Amino acid sequence: MNPYVISIVGHSGSGKTTLVEKLIRELCARGVKVATIKHAHHKVVLDTPGKDSYRYKEAGAVMSMLVTSNELQLVADVSDRREPEQLAQRFLGEADLVLAEGFSHAGGLKIEVLRRECAKPPRCAIEDGLIAIVTDMDEIYPQLPHFGLEDIADIVEFILQRAGR
């Protein structure tokens, strides 16, 4: 079974990461197995040059997994599968729900964090999959559900209803 995927989008500094962190805590408290996918626009080193898993990838492995006594790290090629739903299907099947941070230009359902103090227009439109707004601006997309930054329980309820739970 594929996990339900929803992207939390917004401009840098809007509060996406803080919101995702609070949503994770509330969802976990309700017994939901949550996974996350974070989109980075800049180059990030995922593996340490010279270490075994790095050497395996350099040698041509399509995936390399490092497993410790209580964690694992997976480094994999994603050249043809970068949409949150494709990534969740491929790697996060154990989760009930995947919160993807970023991915404003990808397909799928989105909740946008938009604050007046950021002084920027919305990143997404309704036709981009936008289903709700976390904002302090009632005038933006009044036809969509609006939540405040601290309305965590209500946002979680909205997400769970959309997910059919």
Protein backbone atom coordinates (compact mmCIF):
# COMPACT_ATOMS: atom_id res chain seq x y z
CA MET A 1 0.00 0.00 0.00
CA ASN A 2 1.31 3.44 -0.90
CA PRO A 3 1.53 6.11 1.78
CA TYR A 4 -0.55 9.27 1.45
CA VAL A 5 1.70 12.13 0.33
CA ILE A 6 1.19 15.83 0.91
CA SER A 7 3.72 18.60 0.27
CA ILE A 8 4.20 21.56 2.58
CA VAL A 9 5.37 24.43 0.38
CA GLY A 10 6.25 28.07 0.82
CA HIS A 11 9.00 30.63 0.48
CA SER A 12 12.25 30.37 2.42
CA GLY A 13 11.71 31.61 5.97
CA SER A 14 7.93 31.14 5.89
CA GLY A 15 7.91 28.47 8.62
CA LYS A 16 7.68 25.25 6.60
CA THR A 17 10.17 23.26 8.64
CA THR A 18 8.69 24.38 11.96
CA LEU A 19 5.21 23.47 10.75
CA VAL A 20 6.32 20.04 9.48
CA GLU A 21 8.04 19.36 12.81
CA LYS A 22 4.86 20.21 14.75
CA LEU A 23 2.70 18.16 12.37
CA ILE A 24 4.98 15.15 12.81
CA ARG A 25 4.68 15.33 16.61
CA GLU A 26 0.87 15.57 16.48
CA LEU A 27 0.51 12.83 13.85
CA CYS A 28 2.80 10.48 15.79
CA ALA A 29 0.83 11.16 18.98
CA ARG A 30 -2.23 9.95 17.05
CA GLY A 31 -0.48 6.72 16.04
CA VAL A 32 0.30 7.70 12.44
CA LYS A 33 3.59 6.43 10.99
CA VAL A 34 5.06 9.53 9.35
CA ALA A 35 7.97 9.82 6.93
CA THR A 36 9.39 13.00 5.43
CA ILE A 37 11.01 14.02 2.18
CA LYS A 38 12.90 17.31 2.06
CA HIS A 39 13.67 19.03 -1.23
CA ALA A 40 16.91 21.03 -1.31
CA HIS A 41 17.65 23.53 -4.06
CA HIS A 42 21.35 23.54 -3.32
CA LYS A 43 24.02 20.84 -3.54
CA VAL A 44 24.19 18.70 -0.40
CA VAL A 45 26.83 16.05 0.30
CA LEU A 46 24.87 12.96 1.34
CA ASP A 47 27.80 10.64 1.83
CA THR A 48 31.35 11.13 3.03
CA PRO A 49 33.98 10.80 0.29
CA GLY A 50 36.25 7.83 0.92
CA LYS A 51 33.82 5.94 3.16
CA ASP A 52 32.51 2.52 2.10
CA SER A 53 29.00 3.52 1.01
CA TYR A 54 30.43 6.44 -0.96
CA ARG A 55 32.90 4.12 -2.66
CA TYR A 56 30.09 1.71 -3.59
CA LYS A 57 28.11 4.52 -5.25
CA GLU A 58 31.23 5.74 -7.04
CA ALA A 59 31.77 2.20 -8.32
CA GLY A 60 28.29 2.23 -9.90
CA ALA A 61 25.81 0.94 -7.32
CA VAL A 62 22.35 2.48 -7.90
CA MET A 63 21.72 2.40 -4.13
CA SER A 64 23.87 2.19 -1.06
CA MET A 65 22.50 1.68 2.43
CA LEU A 66 24.43 2.24 5.66
CA VAL A 67 22.86 0.47 8.64
CA THR A 68 23.84 1.02 12.26
CA SER A 69 22.32 -0.52 15.38
CA ASN A 70 19.46 1.99 15.38
CA GLU A 71 19.47 3.96 12.09
CA LEU A 72 19.92 3.62 8.37
CA GLN A 73 20.90 5.98 5.60
CA LEU A 74 20.06 5.32 1.98
CA VAL A 75 21.81 7.03 -0.89
CA ALA A 76 20.16 6.27 -4.22
CA ASP A 77 20.00 7.59 -7.76
CA VAL A 78 16.74 9.44 -8.44
CA SER A 79 17.31 10.86 -11.91
CA ASP A 80 13.94 9.63 -13.21
CA ARG A 81 11.89 9.66 -9.99
CA ARG A 82 11.90 13.01 -8.24
CA GLU A 83 8.21 13.61 -7.57
CA PRO A 84 7.26 13.16 -3.89
CA GLU A 85 4.72 10.42 -4.66
CA GLN A 86 7.25 8.46 -6.73
CA LEU A 87 9.87 8.78 -4.00
CA ALA A 88 7.39 7.71 -1.32
CA GLN A 89 6.35 4.68 -3.38
CA ARG A 90 9.92 3.65 -3.99
CA PHE A 91 11.43 4.20 -0.53
CA LEU A 92 8.83 4.92 2.15
CA GLY A 93 6.28 2.12 1.91
CA GLU A 94 6.26 1.50 5.68
CA ALA A 95 4.80 4.94 6.36
CA ASP A 96 1.11 5.79 6.57
CA LEU A 97 1.74 9.41 5.60
CA VAL A 98 4.59 11.28 3.93
CA LEU A 99 5.09 14.99 4.50
CA ALA A 100 7.22 16.39 1.70
CA GLU A 101 8.78 19.79 2.35
CA GLY A 102 9.26 21.90 -0.73
CA PHE A 103 8.42 20.47 -4.16
CA SER A 104 6.27 23.48 -5.02
CA HIS A 105 6.73 22.76 -8.75
CA ALA A 106 6.03 19.03 -8.48
CA GLY A 107 2.66 17.37 -8.92
CA GLY A 108 0.53 16.30 -5.99
CA LEU A 109 -1.40 17.90 -3.16
CA LYS A 110 0.06 20.91 -1.39
CA ILE A 111 -0.50 23.04 1.68
CA GLU A 112 1.25 26.41 1.42
CA VAL A 113 2.71 28.36 4.33
CA LEU A 114 2.37 32.05 3.52
CA ARG A 115 2.95 34.83 6.02
CA ARG A 116 2.36 38.54 5.57
CA GLU A 117 5.79 39.42 7.02
CA CYS A 118 7.51 37.48 4.20
CA ALA A 119 5.94 39.97 1.75
CA LYS A 120 5.85 37.52 -1.16
CA PRO A 121 3.05 36.18 -3.35
CA PRO A 122 1.93 32.54 -3.10
CA ARG A 123 4.27 30.00 -4.71
CA CYS A 124 1.39 27.79 -5.85
CA ALA A 125 -2.03 28.15 -7.40
CA ILE A 126 -5.08 25.94 -6.93
CA GLU A 127 -4.42 24.29 -10.31
CA ASP A 128 -0.96 23.28 -8.96
CA GLY A 129 -2.63 21.03 -6.37
CA LEU A 130 -2.99 23.61 -3.60
CA ILE A 131 -5.64 22.39 -1.14
CA ALA A 132 -5.14 24.65 1.90
CA ILE A 133 -3.21 27.65 3.22
CA VAL A 134 -1.43 28.15 6.54
CA THR A 135 -1.43 31.91 6.72
CA ASP A 136 -2.24 35.15 8.49
CA MET A 137 -3.76 36.59 5.26
CA ASP A 138 -7.45 35.84 4.82
CA GLU A 139 -7.53 37.51 1.40
CA ILE A 140 -5.30 34.86 -0.27
CA TYR A 141 -7.33 32.08 -1.91
CA PRO A 142 -10.43 32.63 0.23
CA GLN A 143 -12.06 29.58 -1.40
CA LEU A 144 -9.51 27.27 0.28
CA PRO A 145 -9.36 26.22 3.93
CA HIS A 146 -7.18 28.59 5.97
CA PHE A 147 -5.27 27.65 9.12
CA GLY A 148 -3.11 29.67 11.49
CA LEU A 149 0.51 28.66 12.13
CA GLU A 150 -0.47 27.29 15.55
CA ASP A 151 -3.62 25.42 14.41
CA ILE A 152 -1.71 22.12 14.41
CA ALA A 153 -4.57 19.88 15.57
CA ASP A 154 -6.90 21.34 12.93
CA ILE A 155 -4.30 20.96 10.15
CA VAL A 156 -3.67 17.35 11.19
CA GLU A 157 -7.42 16.66 11.20
CA PHE A 158 -7.70 18.16 7.71
CA ILE A 159 -4.80 16.03 6.43
CA LEU A 160 -6.17 12.84 8.01
CA GLN A 161 -9.62 13.49 6.51
CA ARG A 162 -8.03 13.98 3.06
CA ALA A 163 -6.08 10.76 3.58
CA GLY A 164 -9.29 8.89 4.44
CA ARG A 165 -8.28 8.15 8.02
